[in-house]
PDB file of all heavy atoms in Angstrom:
ATOM      1  N   ALA A   1       5.762 -33.773 -39.277  1.00  0.00           N
ATOM      2  CA  ALA A   1       4.370 -34.222 -39.379  1.00  0.00           C
ATOM      3  C   ALA A   1       4.173 -35.073 -40.625  1.00  0.00           C
ATOM      4  O   ALA A   1       4.704 -34.780 -41.695  1.00  0.00           O
ATOM      5  CB  ALA A   1       3.438 -33.020 -39.413  1.00  0.00           C
ATOM      6  N   GLU A   2       3.386 -36.119 -40.472  1.00  0.00           N
ATOM      7  CA  GLU A   2       3.066 -37.028 -41.574  1.00  0.00           C
ATOM      8  C   GLU A   2       1.564 -37.283 -41.550  1.00  0.00           C
ATOM      9  O   GLU A   2       1.047 -37.841 -40.587  1.00  0.00           O
ATOM     10  CB  GLU A   2       3.856 -38.329 -41.407  1.00  0.00           C
ATOM     11  CG  GLU A   2       3.642 -39.363 -42.475  1.00  0.00           C
ATOM     12  CD  GLU A   2       4.451 -40.619 -42.184  1.00  0.00           C
ATOM     13  OE1 GLU A   2       5.648 -40.499 -41.819  1.00  0.00           O
ATOM     14  OE2 GLU A   2       3.869 -41.721 -42.281  1.00  0.00           O
ATOM     15  N   LEU A   3       0.847 -36.873 -42.597  1.00  0.00           N
ATOM     16  CA  LEU A   3      -0.604 -36.949 -42.623  1.00  0.00           C
ATOM     17  C   LEU A   3      -1.076 -38.091 -43.517  1.00  0.00           C
ATOM     18  O   LEU A   3      -0.552 -38.287 -44.620  1.00  0.00           O
ATOM     19  CB  LEU A   3      -1.204 -35.636 -43.129  1.00  0.00           C
ATOM     20  CG  LEU A   3      -1.463 -34.537 -42.087  1.00  0.00           C
ATOM     21  CD1 LEU A   3      -0.185 -34.143 -41.353  1.00  0.00           C
ATOM     22  CD2 LEU A   3      -2.112 -33.332 -42.724  1.00  0.00           C
ATOM     23  N   HIS A   4      -2.062 -38.823 -43.022  1.00  0.00           N
ATOM     24  CA  HIS A   4      -2.694 -39.893 -43.788  1.00  0.00           C
ATOM     25  C   HIS A   4      -4.202 -39.679 -43.725  1.00  0.00           C
ATOM     26  O   HIS A   4      -4.763 -39.484 -42.641  1.00  0.00           O
ATOM     27  CB  HIS A   4      -2.349 -41.264 -43.210  1.00  0.00           C
ATOM     28  CG  HIS A   4      -0.901 -41.614 -43.294  1.00  0.00           C
ATOM     29  ND1 HIS A   4      -0.364 -42.372 -44.310  1.00  0.00           N
ATOM     30  CD2 HIS A   4       0.138 -41.293 -42.469  1.00  0.00           C
ATOM     31  CE1 HIS A   4       0.933 -42.516 -44.111  1.00  0.00           C
ATOM     32  NE2 HIS A   4       1.269 -41.865 -43.001  1.00  0.00           N
ATOM     33  N   TYR A   5      -4.873 -39.723 -44.871  1.00  0.00           N
ATOM     34  CA  TYR A   5      -6.314 -39.553 -44.927  1.00  0.00           C
ATOM     35  C   TYR A   5      -6.952 -40.916 -45.188  1.00  0.00           C
ATOM     36  O   TYR A   5      -7.125 -41.343 -46.333  1.00  0.00           O
ATOM     37  CB  TYR A   5      -6.690 -38.537 -46.003  1.00  0.00           C
ATOM     38  CG  TYR A   5      -6.079 -37.177 -45.744  1.00  0.00           C
ATOM     39  CD1 TYR A   5      -5.006 -36.720 -46.498  1.00  0.00           C
ATOM     40  CD2 TYR A   5      -6.558 -36.365 -44.718  1.00  0.00           C
ATOM     41  CE1 TYR A   5      -4.431 -35.483 -46.245  1.00  0.00           C
ATOM     42  CE2 TYR A   5      -5.987 -35.134 -44.457  1.00  0.00           C
ATOM     43  CZ  TYR A   5      -4.935 -34.703 -45.220  1.00  0.00           C
ATOM     44  OH  TYR A   5      -4.358 -33.481 -44.962  1.00  0.00           O
ATOM     45  N   CYS A   6      -7.262 -41.608 -44.114  1.00  0.00           N
ATOM     46  CA  CYS A   6      -7.848 -42.941 -44.216  1.00  0.00           C
ATOM     47  C   CYS A   6      -8.458 -43.298 -42.869  1.00  0.00           C
ATOM     48  O   CYS A   6      -8.319 -42.562 -41.894  1.00  0.00           O
ATOM     49  CB  CYS A   6      -6.794 -43.972 -44.638  1.00  0.00           C
ATOM     50  SG  CYS A   6      -5.450 -44.191 -43.443  1.00  0.00           S
ATOM     51  N   ASP A   7      -9.117 -44.432 -42.829  1.00  0.00           N
ATOM     52  CA  ASP A   7      -9.700 -44.927 -41.585  1.00  0.00           C
ATOM     53  C   ASP A   7      -8.589 -45.282 -40.598  1.00  0.00           C
ATOM     54  O   ASP A   7      -7.628 -45.974 -40.936  1.00  0.00           O
ATOM     55  CB  ASP A   7     -10.555 -46.148 -41.883  1.00  0.00           C
ATOM     56  CG  ASP A   7     -11.141 -46.759 -40.633  1.00  0.00           C
ATOM     57  OD1 ASP A   7     -12.067 -46.158 -40.066  1.00  0.00           O
ATOM     58  OD2 ASP A   7     -10.649 -47.818 -40.211  1.00  0.00           O
ATOM     59  N   GLY A   8      -8.732 -44.797 -39.354  1.00  0.00           N
ATOM     60  CA  GLY A   8      -7.692 -45.026 -38.360  1.00  0.00           C
ATOM     61  C   GLY A   8      -7.464 -46.483 -38.056  1.00  0.00           C
ATOM     62  O   GLY A   8      -6.329 -46.930 -37.847  1.00  0.00           O
ATOM     63  N   ARG A   9      -8.507 -47.264 -38.048  1.00  0.00           N
ATOM     64  CA  ARG A   9      -8.345 -48.686 -37.763  1.00  0.00           C
ATOM     65  C   ARG A   9      -7.614 -49.385 -38.902  1.00  0.00           C
ATOM     66  O   ARG A   9      -6.740 -50.235 -38.665  1.00  0.00           O
ATOM     67  CB  ARG A   9      -9.703 -49.333 -37.522  1.00  0.00           C
ATOM     68  CG  ARG A   9      -9.605 -50.832 -37.282  1.00  0.00           C
ATOM     69  CD  ARG A   9     -10.783 -51.337 -36.514  1.00  0.00           C
ATOM     70  NE  ARG A   9     -10.785 -52.794 -36.399  1.00  0.00           N
ATOM     71  CZ  ARG A   9     -11.502 -53.486 -35.544  1.00  0.00           C
ATOM     72  NH1 ARG A   9     -12.326 -52.844 -34.728  1.00  0.00           N
ATOM     73  NH2 ARG A   9     -11.446 -54.794 -35.481  1.00  0.00           N
ATOM     74  N   ALA A  10      -7.957 -49.018 -40.138  1.00  0.00           N
ATOM     75  CA  ALA A  10      -7.273 -49.623 -41.281  1.00  0.00           C
ATOM     76  C   ALA A  10      -5.793 -49.294 -41.249  1.00  0.00           C
ATOM     77  O   ALA A  10      -4.944 -50.142 -41.576  1.00  0.00           O
ATOM     78  CB  ALA A  10      -7.899 -49.134 -42.585  1.00  0.00           C
ATOM     79  N   PHE A  11      -5.448 -48.078 -40.828  1.00  0.00           N
ATOM     80  CA  PHE A  11      -4.033 -47.703 -40.741  1.00  0.00           C
ATOM     81  C   PHE A  11      -3.325 -48.574 -39.710  1.00  0.00           C
ATOM     82  O   PHE A  11      -2.230 -49.098 -39.961  1.00  0.00           O
ATOM     83  CB  PHE A  11      -3.896 -46.229 -40.377  1.00  0.00           C
ATOM     84  CG  PHE A  11      -2.467 -45.780 -40.244  1.00  0.00           C
ATOM     85  CD1 PHE A  11      -1.755 -45.336 -41.336  1.00  0.00           C
ATOM     86  CD2 PHE A  11      -1.827 -45.819 -39.005  1.00  0.00           C
ATOM     87  CE1 PHE A  11      -0.428 -44.932 -41.219  1.00  0.00           C
ATOM     88  CE2 PHE A  11      -0.502 -45.431 -38.873  1.00  0.00           C
ATOM     89  CZ  PHE A  11       0.195 -44.981 -39.985  1.00  0.00           C
ATOM     90  N   VAL A  12      -3.928 -48.718 -38.538  1.00  0.00           N
ATOM     91  CA  VAL A  12      -3.298 -49.508 -37.478  1.00  0.00           C
ATOM     92  C   VAL A  12      -3.159 -50.967 -37.901  1.00  0.00           C
ATOM     93  O   VAL A  12      -2.154 -51.627 -37.598  1.00  0.00           O
ATOM     94  CB  VAL A  12      -4.110 -49.381 -36.166  1.00  0.00           C
ATOM     95  CG1 VAL A  12      -3.599 -50.347 -35.114  1.00  0.00           C
ATOM     96  CG2 VAL A  12      -4.037 -47.947 -35.634  1.00  0.00           C
ATOM     97  N   GLU A  13      -4.136 -51.477 -38.620  1.00  0.00           N
ATOM     98  CA  GLU A  13      -4.092 -52.874 -39.059  1.00  0.00           C
ATOM     99  C   GLU A  13      -2.973 -53.150 -40.045  1.00  0.00           C
ATOM    100  O   GLU A  13      -2.434 -54.261 -40.089  1.00  0.00           O
ATOM    101  CB  GLU A  13      -5.429 -53.258 -39.700  1.00  0.00           C
ATOM    102  CG  GLU A  13      -6.574 -53.442 -38.722  1.00  0.00           C
ATOM    103  CD  GLU A  13      -7.877 -53.761 -39.445  1.00  0.00           C
ATOM    104  OE1 GLU A  13      -8.035 -53.335 -40.612  1.00  0.00           O
ATOM    105  OE2 GLU A  13      -8.734 -54.412 -38.849  1.00  0.00           O
ATOM    106  N   THR A  14      -2.622 -52.147 -40.854  1.00  0.00           N
ATOM    107  CA  THR A  14      -1.696 -52.391 -41.966  1.00  0.00           C
ATOM    108  C   THR A  14      -0.283 -51.859 -41.738  1.00  0.00           C
ATOM    109  O   THR A  14       0.646 -52.297 -42.416  1.00  0.00           O
ATOM    110  CB  THR A  14      -2.255 -51.772 -43.260  1.00  0.00           C
ATOM    111  OG1 THR A  14      -2.506 -50.370 -43.056  1.00  0.00           O
ATOM    112  CG2 THR A  14      -3.564 -52.450 -43.649  1.00  0.00           C
ATOM    113  N   THR A  15      -0.104 -50.926 -40.800  1.00  0.00           N
ATOM    114  CA  THR A  15       1.232 -50.369 -40.616  1.00  0.00           C
ATOM    115  C   THR A  15       2.121 -51.333 -39.834  1.00  0.00           C
ATOM    116  O   THR A  15       1.649 -52.098 -38.990  1.00  0.00           O
ATOM    117  CB  THR A  15       1.169 -49.014 -39.882  1.00  0.00           C
ATOM    118  OG1 THR A  15       2.496 -48.442 -39.848  1.00  0.00           O
ATOM    119  CG2 THR A  15       0.687 -49.186 -38.448  1.00  0.00           C
ATOM    120  N   ASP A  16       3.409 -51.259 -40.112  1.00  0.00           N
ATOM    121  CA  ASP A  16       4.405 -52.007 -39.328  1.00  0.00           C
ATOM    122  C   ASP A  16       5.146 -51.101 -38.356  1.00  0.00           C
ATOM    123  O   ASP A  16       6.037 -51.561 -37.628  1.00  0.00           O
ATOM    124  CB  ASP A  16       5.417 -52.674 -40.270  1.00  0.00           C
ATOM    125  CG  ASP A  16       4.791 -53.767 -41.115  1.00  0.00           C
ATOM    126  OD1 ASP A  16       3.895 -54.460 -40.605  1.00  0.00           O
ATOM    127  OD2 ASP A  16       5.191 -53.915 -42.287  1.00  0.00           O
ATOM    128  N   ASP A  17       4.808 -49.817 -38.348  1.00  0.00           N
ATOM    129  CA  ASP A  17       5.515 -48.852 -37.512  1.00  0.00           C
ATOM    130  C   ASP A  17       5.167 -49.035 -36.044  1.00  0.00           C
ATOM    131  O   ASP A  17       4.080 -49.494 -35.690  1.00  0.00           O
ATOM    132  CB  ASP A  17       5.172 -47.430 -37.945  1.00  0.00           C
ATOM    133  CG  ASP A  17       5.640 -47.120 -39.354  1.00  0.00           C
ATOM    134  OD1 ASP A  17       6.555 -47.805 -39.838  1.00  0.00           O
ATOM    135  OD2 ASP A  17       5.073 -46.204 -39.982  1.00  0.00           O
ATOM    136  N   LEU A  18       6.113 -48.646 -35.191  1.00  0.00           N
ATOM    137  CA  LEU A  18       5.905 -48.669 -33.750  1.00  0.00           C
ATOM    138  C   LEU A  18       5.964 -47.248 -33.211  1.00  0.00           C
ATOM    139  O   LEU A  18       6.686 -46.394 -33.752  1.00  0.00           O
ATOM    140  CB  LEU A  18       6.969 -49.525 -33.072  1.00  0.00           C
ATOM    141  CG  LEU A  18       7.004 -51.005 -33.455  1.00  0.00           C
ATOM    142  CD1 LEU A  18       8.161 -51.701 -32.753  1.00  0.00           C
ATOM    143  CD2 LEU A  18       5.684 -51.688 -33.126  1.00  0.00           C
ATOM    144  N   PHE A  19       5.227 -47.009 -32.130  1.00  0.00           N
ATOM    145  CA  PHE A  19       5.102 -45.656 -31.600  1.00  0.00           C
ATOM    146  C   PHE A  19       5.287 -45.673 -30.082  1.00  0.00           C
ATOM    147  O   PHE A  19       4.971 -46.651 -29.412  1.00  0.00           O
ATOM    148  CB  PHE A  19       3.727 -45.073 -31.950  1.00  0.00           C
ATOM    149  CG  PHE A  19       3.488 -44.978 -33.428  1.00  0.00           C
ATOM    150  CD1 PHE A  19       2.853 -46.024 -34.107  1.00  0.00           C
ATOM    151  CD2 PHE A  19       3.895 -43.866 -34.143  1.00  0.00           C
ATOM    152  CE1 PHE A  19       2.635 -45.950 -35.472  1.00  0.00           C
ATOM    153  CE2 PHE A  19       3.679 -43.790 -35.504  1.00  0.00           C
ATOM    154  CZ  PHE A  19       3.053 -44.830 -36.178  1.00  0.00           C
ATOM    155  N   ASP A  20       5.783 -44.542 -29.584  1.00  0.00           N
ATOM    156  CA  ASP A  20       5.935 -44.377 -28.140  1.00  0.00           C
ATOM    157  C   ASP A  20       4.609 -44.003 -27.482  1.00  0.00           C
ATOM    158  O   ASP A  20       4.320 -44.437 -26.360  1.00  0.00           O
ATOM    159  CB  ASP A  20       6.970 -43.292 -27.845  1.00  0.00           C
ATOM    160  CG  ASP A  20       8.332 -43.631 -28.407  1.00  0.00           C
ATOM    161  OD1 ASP A  20       8.858 -44.709 -28.074  1.00  0.00           O
ATOM    162  OD2 ASP A  20       8.869 -42.826 -29.202  1.00  0.00           O
ATOM    163  N   VAL A  21       3.835 -43.170 -28.160  1.00  0.00           N
ATOM    164  CA  VAL A  21       2.547 -42.716 -27.639  1.00  0.00           C
ATOM    165  C   VAL A  21       1.534 -42.758 -28.776  1.00  0.00           C
ATOM    166  O   VAL A  21       1.835 -42.334 -29.898  1.00  0.00           O
ATOM    167  CB  VAL A  21       2.642 -41.279 -27.060  1.00  0.00           C
ATOM    168  CG1 VAL A  21       1.262 -40.775 -26.646  1.00  0.00           C
ATOM    169  CG2 VAL A  21       3.601 -41.232 -25.874  1.00  0.00           C
ATOM    170  N   VAL A  22       0.342 -43.263 -28.484  1.00  0.00           N
ATOM    171  CA  VAL A  22      -0.780 -43.235 -29.424  1.00  0.00           C
ATOM    172  C   VAL A  22      -1.891 -42.411 -28.784  1.00  0.00           C
ATOM    173  O   VAL A  22      -2.299 -42.683 -27.643  1.00  0.00           O
ATOM    174  CB  VAL A  22      -1.288 -44.645 -29.764  1.00  0.00           C
ATOM    175  CG1 VAL A  22      -2.517 -44.562 -30.674  1.00  0.00           C
ATOM    176  CG2 VAL A  22      -0.191 -45.468 -30.431  1.00  0.00           C
ATOM    177  N   ILE A  23      -2.383 -41.410 -29.517  1.00  0.00           N
ATOM    178  CA  ILE A  23      -3.445 -40.533 -29.031  1.00  0.00           C
ATOM    179  C   ILE A  23      -4.654 -40.732 -29.935  1.00  0.00           C
ATOM    180  O   ILE A  23      -4.577 -40.514 -31.142  1.00  0.00           O
ATOM    181  CB  ILE A  23      -3.003 -39.055 -29.049  1.00  0.00           C
ATOM    182  CG1 ILE A  23      -1.767 -38.859 -28.165  1.00  0.00           C
ATOM    183  CG2 ILE A  23      -4.144 -38.152 -28.608  1.00  0.00           C
ATOM    184  CD1 ILE A  23      -1.104 -37.501 -28.338  1.00  0.00           C
ATOM    185  N   ILE A  24      -5.768 -41.152 -29.342  1.00  0.00           N
ATOM    186  CA  ILE A  24      -6.985 -41.421 -30.102  1.00  0.00           C
ATOM    187  C   ILE A  24      -7.995 -40.318 -29.801  1.00  0.00           C
ATOM    188  O   ILE A  24      -8.535 -40.227 -28.698  1.00  0.00           O
ATOM    189  CB  ILE A  24      -7.545 -42.808 -29.759  1.00  0.00           C
ATOM    190  CG1 ILE A  24      -6.469 -43.879 -30.013  1.00  0.00           C
ATOM    191  CG2 ILE A  24      -8.799 -43.097 -30.584  1.00  0.00           C
ATOM    192  CD1 ILE A  24      -6.859 -45.267 -29.550  1.00  0.00           C
ATOM    193  N   ASP A  25      -8.214 -39.462 -30.794  1.00  0.00           N
ATOM    194  CA  ASP A  25      -9.042 -38.264 -30.632  1.00  0.00           C
ATOM    195  C   ASP A  25     -10.131 -38.276 -31.701  1.00  0.00           C
ATOM    196  O   ASP A  25     -10.166 -37.413 -32.575  1.00  0.00           O
ATOM    197  CB  ASP A  25      -8.163 -37.009 -30.744  1.00  0.00           C
ATOM    198  CG  ASP A  25      -8.936 -35.733 -30.470  1.00  0.00           C
ATOM    199  OD1 ASP A  25      -9.971 -35.800 -29.790  1.00  0.00           O
ATOM    200  OD2 ASP A  25      -8.495 -34.655 -30.937  1.00  0.00           O
ATOM    201  N   VAL A  26     -10.998 -39.279 -31.634  1.00  0.00           N
ATOM    202  CA  VAL A  26     -12.056 -39.402 -32.629  1.00  0.00           C
ATOM    203  C   VAL A  26     -13.389 -39.014 -32.007  1.00  0.00           C
ATOM    204  O   VAL A  26     -13.507 -38.857 -30.795  1.00  0.00           O
ATOM    205  CB  VAL A  26     -12.126 -40.837 -33.197  1.00  0.00           C
ATOM    206  CG1 VAL A  26     -10.834 -41.169 -33.930  1.00  0.00           C
ATOM    207  CG2 VAL A  26     -12.381 -41.861 -32.095  1.00  0.00           C
ATOM    208  N   VAL A  27     -14.406 -38.874 -32.856  1.00  0.00           N
ATOM    209  CA  VAL A  27     -15.714 -38.431 -32.374  1.00  0.00           C
ATOM    210  C   VAL A  27     -16.267 -39.422 -31.360  1.00  0.00           C
ATOM    211  O   VAL A  27     -15.995 -40.626 -31.417  1.00  0.00           O
ATOM    212  CB  VAL A  27     -16.706 -38.266 -33.549  1.00  0.00           C
ATOM    213  CG1 VAL A  27     -16.263 -37.137 -34.449  1.00  0.00           C
ATOM    214  CG2 VAL A  27     -16.846 -39.562 -34.337  1.00  0.00           C
ATOM    215  N   ASP A  28     -17.055 -38.899 -30.429  1.00  0.00           N
ATOM    216  CA  ASP A  28     -17.599 -39.739 -29.359  1.00  0.00           C
ATOM    217  C   ASP A  28     -18.878 -40.411 -29.863  1.00  0.00           C
ATOM    218  O   ASP A  28     -19.937 -39.804 -29.876  1.00  0.00           O
ATOM    219  CB  ASP A  28     -17.871 -38.922 -28.095  1.00  0.00           C
ATOM    220  CG  ASP A  28     -18.541 -37.587 -28.381  1.00  0.00           C
ATOM    221  OD1 ASP A  28     -18.036 -36.857 -29.238  1.00  0.00           O
ATOM    222  OD2 ASP A  28     -19.572 -37.290 -27.755  1.00  0.00           O
ATOM    223  N   MET A  29     -18.752 -41.662 -30.300  1.00  0.00           N
ATOM    224  CA  MET A  29     -19.877 -42.368 -30.892  1.00  0.00           C
ATOM    225  C   MET A  29     -19.939 -43.794 -30.363  1.00  0.00           C
ATOM    226  O   MET A  29     -19.169 -44.654 -30.776  1.00  0.00           O
ATOM    227  CB  MET A  29     -19.749 -42.381 -32.420  1.00  0.00           C
ATOM    228  CG  MET A  29     -20.969 -42.948 -33.141  1.00  0.00           C
ATOM    229  SD  MET A  29     -20.739 -42.992 -34.940  1.00  0.00           S
ATOM    230  CE  MET A  29     -20.711 -41.239 -35.314  1.00  0.00           C
ATOM    231  N   LEU A  30     -20.837 -44.024 -29.408  1.00  0.00           N
ATOM    232  CA  LEU A  30     -21.083 -45.371 -28.918  1.00  0.00           C
ATOM    233  C   LEU A  30     -22.526 -45.776 -29.220  1.00  0.00           C
ATOM    234  O   LEU A  30     -23.169 -46.484 -28.459  1.00  0.00           O
ATOM    235  CB  LEU A  30     -20.818 -45.456 -27.416  1.00  0.00           C
ATOM    236  CG  LEU A  30     -19.376 -45.263 -26.976  1.00  0.00           C
ATOM    237  CD1 LEU A  30     -19.232 -45.556 -25.494  1.00  0.00           C
ATOM    238  CD2 LEU A  30     -18.414 -46.133 -27.771  1.00  0.00           C
ATOM    239  N   ASP A  31     -23.044 -45.305 -30.368  1.00  0.00           N
ATOM    240  CA  ASP A  31     -24.411 -45.637 -30.762  1.00  0.00           C
ATOM    241  C   ASP A  31     -24.428 -46.722 -31.827  1.00  0.00           C
ATOM    242  O   ASP A  31     -25.348 -46.806 -32.632  1.00  0.00           O
ATOM    243  CB  ASP A  31     -25.133 -44.397 -31.276  1.00  0.00           C
ATOM    244  CG  ASP A  31     -24.407 -43.741 -32.448  1.00  0.00           C
ATOM    245  OD1 ASP A  31     -23.328 -44.246 -32.835  1.00  0.00           O
ATOM    246  OD2 ASP A  31     -24.913 -42.733 -32.972  1.00  0.00           O
ATOM    247  N   ASN A  32     -23.359 -47.554 -31.823  1.00  0.00           N
ATOM    248  CA  ASN A  32     -23.235 -48.649 -32.779  1.00  0.00           C
ATOM    249  C   ASN A  32     -23.115 -48.134 -34.212  1.00  0.00           C
ATOM    250  O   ASN A  32     -23.476 -48.831 -35.162  1.00  0.00           O
ATOM    251  CB  ASN A  32     -24.413 -49.631 -32.633  1.00  0.00           C
ATOM    252  CG  ASN A  32     -24.561 -50.120 -31.197  1.00  0.00           C
ATOM    253  OD1 ASN A  32     -23.617 -50.631 -30.610  1.00  0.00           O
ATOM    254  ND2 ASN A  32     -25.739 -49.931 -30.610  1.00  0.00           N
ATOM    255  N   GLY A  33     -22.572 -46.911 -34.351  1.00  0.00           N
ATOM    256  CA  GLY A  33     -22.341 -46.324 -35.663  1.00  0.00           C
ATOM    257  C   GLY A  33     -20.946 -46.642 -36.177  1.00  0.00           C
ATOM    258  O   GLY A  33     -20.200 -47.431 -35.592  1.00  0.00           O
ATOM    259  N   PRO A  34     -20.534 -45.996 -37.296  1.00  0.00           N
ATOM    260  CA  PRO A  34     -19.275 -46.356 -37.954  1.00  0.00           C
ATOM    261  C   PRO A  34     -18.021 -46.061 -37.153  1.00  0.00           C
ATOM    262  O   PRO A  34     -16.990 -46.693 -37.379  1.00  0.00           O
ATOM    263  CB  PRO A  34     -19.312 -45.519 -39.244  1.00  0.00           C
ATOM    264  CG  PRO A  34     -20.298 -44.426 -38.974  1.00  0.00           C
ATOM    265  CD  PRO A  34     -21.305 -44.998 -38.046  1.00  0.00           C
ATOM    266  N   ALA A  35     -18.070 -45.135 -36.212  1.00  0.00           N
ATOM    267  CA  ALA A  35     -16.867 -44.820 -35.432  1.00  0.00           C
ATOM    268  C   ALA A  35     -16.670 -45.757 -34.255  1.00  0.00           C
ATOM    269  O   ALA A  35     -15.608 -45.742 -33.630  1.00  0.00           O
ATOM    270  CB  ALA A  35     -16.918 -43.369 -34.938  1.00  0.00           C
ATOM    271  N   GLN A  36     -17.655 -46.598 -33.953  1.00  0.00           N
ATOM    272  CA  GLN A  36     -17.543 -47.444 -32.764  1.00  0.00           C
ATOM    273  C   GLN A  36     -16.433 -48.484 -32.896  1.00  0.00           C
ATOM    274  O   GLN A  36     -15.895 -48.952 -31.895  1.00  0.00           O
ATOM    275  CB  GLN A  36     -18.878 -48.131 -32.466  1.00  0.00           C
ATOM    276  CG  GLN A  36     -18.886 -48.849 -31.110  1.00  0.00           C
ATOM    277  CD  GLN A  36     -20.273 -49.105 -30.599  1.00  0.00           C
ATOM    278  OE1 GLN A  36     -21.143 -48.258 -30.681  1.00  0.00           O
ATOM    279  NE2 GLN A  36     -20.494 -50.289 -30.058  1.00  0.00           N
ATOM    280  N   HIS A  37     -16.037 -48.803 -34.129  1.00  0.00           N
ATOM    281  CA  HIS A  37     -14.964 -49.791 -34.295  1.00  0.00           C
ATOM    282  C   HIS A  37     -13.610 -49.253 -33.858  1.00  0.00           C
ATOM    283  O   HIS A  37     -12.630 -49.985 -33.808  1.00  0.00           O
ATOM    284  CB  HIS A  37     -14.905 -50.290 -35.743  1.00  0.00           C
ATOM    285  CG  HIS A  37     -14.354 -49.302 -36.723  1.00  0.00           C
ATOM    286  ND1 HIS A  37     -14.909 -48.065 -36.938  1.00  0.00           N
ATOM    287  CD2 HIS A  37     -13.286 -49.377 -37.555  1.00  0.00           C
ATOM    288  CE1 HIS A  37     -14.219 -47.417 -37.858  1.00  0.00           C
ATOM    289  NE2 HIS A  37     -13.225 -48.179 -38.245  1.00  0.00           N
ATOM    290  N   LEU A  38     -13.563 -47.950 -33.502  1.00  0.00           N
ATOM    291  CA  LEU A  38     -12.346 -47.352 -32.941  1.00  0.00           C
ATOM    292  C   LEU A  38     -12.377 -47.330 -31.411  1.00  0.00           C
ATOM    293  O   LEU A  38     -11.512 -46.730 -30.782  1.00  0.00           O
ATOM    294  CB  LEU A  38     -12.158 -45.932 -33.480  1.00  0.00           C
ATOM    295  CG  LEU A  38     -11.923 -45.828 -34.988  1.00  0.00           C
ATOM    296  CD1 LEU A  38     -11.967 -44.380 -35.437  1.00  0.00           C
ATOM    297  CD2 LEU A  38     -10.587 -46.460 -35.368  1.00  0.00           C
ATOM    298  N   TYR A  39     -13.358 -47.998 -30.824  1.00  0.00           N
ATOM    299  CA  TYR A  39     -13.487 -48.058 -29.376  1.00  0.00           C
ATOM    300  C   TYR A  39     -13.501 -49.493 -28.848  1.00  0.00           C
ATOM    301  O   TYR A  39     -13.733 -49.700 -27.662  1.00  0.00           O
ATOM    302  CB  TYR A  39     -14.788 -47.378 -28.923  1.00  0.00           C
ATOM    303  CG  TYR A  39     -14.791 -45.870 -28.982  1.00  0.00           C
ATOM    304  CD1 TYR A  39     -15.341 -45.204 -30.061  1.00  0.00           C
ATOM    305  CD2 TYR A  39     -14.270 -45.119 -27.937  1.00  0.00           C
ATOM    306  CE1 TYR A  39     -15.368 -43.806 -30.115  1.00  0.00           C
ATOM    307  CE2 TYR A  39     -14.292 -43.732 -27.968  1.00  0.00           C
ATOM    308  CZ  TYR A  39     -14.839 -43.085 -29.060  1.00  0.00           C
ATOM    309  OH  TYR A  39     -14.863 -41.716 -29.096  1.00  0.00           O
ATOM    310  N   THR A  40     -13.275 -50.482 -29.688  1.00  0.00           N
ATOM    311  CA  THR A  40     -13.476 -51.868 -29.259  1.00  0.00           C
ATOM    312  C   THR A  40     -12.204 -52.512 -28.724  1.00  0.00           C
ATOM    313  O   THR A  40     -11.089 -52.053 -28.973  1.00  0.00           O
ATOM    314  CB  THR A  40     -14.010 -52.714 -30.420  1.00  0.00           C
ATOM    315  OG1 THR A  40     -13.004 -52.795 -31.449  1.00  0.00           O
ATOM    316  CG2 THR A  40     -15.291 -52.135 -31.001  1.00  0.00           C
ATOM    317  N   ARG A  41     -12.421 -53.629 -28.017  1.00  0.00           N
ATOM    318  CA  ARG A  41     -11.299 -54.395 -27.476  1.00  0.00           C
ATOM    319  C   ARG A  41     -10.354 -54.840 -28.591  1.00  0.00           C
ATOM    320  O   ARG A  41      -9.127 -54.770 -28.436  1.00  0.00           O
ATOM    321  CB  ARG A  41     -11.833 -55.613 -26.719  1.00  0.00           C
ATOM    322  CG  ARG A  41     -10.738 -56.562 -26.194  1.00  0.00           C
ATOM    323  CD  ARG A  41     -11.332 -57.782 -25.537  1.00  0.00           C
ATOM    324  NE  ARG A  41     -12.187 -58.538 -26.438  1.00  0.00           N
ATOM    325  CZ  ARG A  41     -11.737 -59.391 -27.361  1.00  0.00           C
ATOM    326  NH1 ARG A  41     -10.431 -59.591 -27.517  1.00  0.00           N
ATOM    327  NH2 ARG A  41     -12.585 -60.052 -28.135  1.00  0.00           N
ATOM    328  N   GLU A  42     -10.898 -55.283 -29.708  1.00  0.00           N
ATOM    329  CA  GLU A  42     -10.068 -55.755 -30.811  1.00  0.00           C
ATOM    330  C   GLU A  42      -9.200 -54.627 -31.368  1.00  0.00           C
ATOM    331  O   GLU A  42      -8.014 -54.834 -31.682  1.00  0.00           O
ATOM    332  CB  GLU A  42     -10.949 -56.336 -31.916  1.00  0.00           C
ATOM    333  CG  GLU A  42     -11.653 -57.637 -31.532  1.00  0.00           C
ATOM    334  CD  GLU A  42     -12.957 -57.426 -30.773  1.00  0.00           C
ATOM    335  OE1 GLU A  42     -13.274 -56.270 -30.409  1.00  0.00           O
ATOM    336  OE2 GLU A  42     -13.669 -58.426 -30.541  1.00  0.00           O
ATOM    337  N   PHE A  43      -9.763 -53.431 -31.461  1.00  0.00           N
ATOM    338  CA  PHE A  43      -8.964 -52.301 -31.948  1.00  0.00           C
ATOM    339  C   PHE A  43      -7.860 -51.948 -30.965  1.00  0.00           C
ATOM    340  O   PHE A  43      -6.708 -51.722 -31.351  1.00  0.00           O
ATOM    341  CB  PHE A  43      -9.864 -51.094 -32.193  1.00  0.00           C
ATOM    342  CG  PHE A  43      -9.097 -49.848 -32.549  1.00  0.00           C
ATOM    343  CD1 PHE A  43      -8.341 -49.781 -33.705  1.00  0.00           C
ATOM    344  CD2 PHE A  43      -9.117 -48.747 -31.707  1.00  0.00           C
ATOM    345  CE1 PHE A  43      -7.625 -48.634 -34.031  1.00  0.00           C
ATOM    346  CE2 PHE A  43      -8.409 -47.600 -32.022  1.00  0.00           C
ATOM    347  CZ  PHE A  43      -7.665 -47.540 -33.187  1.00  0.00           C
ATOM    348  N   TYR A  44      -8.173 -51.896 -29.682  1.00  0.00           N
ATOM    349  CA  TYR A  44      -7.152 -51.557 -28.690  1.00  0.00           C
ATOM    350  C   TYR A  44      -6.047 -52.615 -28.654  1.00  0.00           C
ATOM    351  O   TYR A  44      -4.890 -52.291 -28.369  1.00  0.00           O
ATOM    352  CB  TYR A  44      -7.784 -51.389 -27.317  1.00  0.00           C
ATOM    353  CG  TYR A  44      -8.706 -50.190 -27.206  1.00  0.00           C
ATOM    354  CD1 TYR A  44      -9.882 -50.250 -26.466  1.00  0.00           C
ATOM    355  CD2 TYR A  44      -8.400 -48.991 -27.848  1.00  0.00           C
ATOM    356  CE1 TYR A  44     -10.722 -49.159 -26.371  1.00  0.00           C
ATOM    357  CE2 TYR A  44      -9.240 -47.890 -27.758  1.00  0.00           C
ATOM    358  CZ  TYR A  44     -10.406 -47.983 -27.012  1.00  0.00           C
ATOM    359  OH  TYR A  44     -11.246 -46.903 -26.920  1.00  0.00           O
TER     360      TYR A  44
END
């Protein structure tokens, strides 16, 4: 296990690592709040 305490999108933007499976288990927020940037086309 390797733990990082940071914004998930910032991690994905900056890492060079590749993964076999990505699991996105963040809060369900589609009210245009701060977590919505983890649900967008650009993030995916």
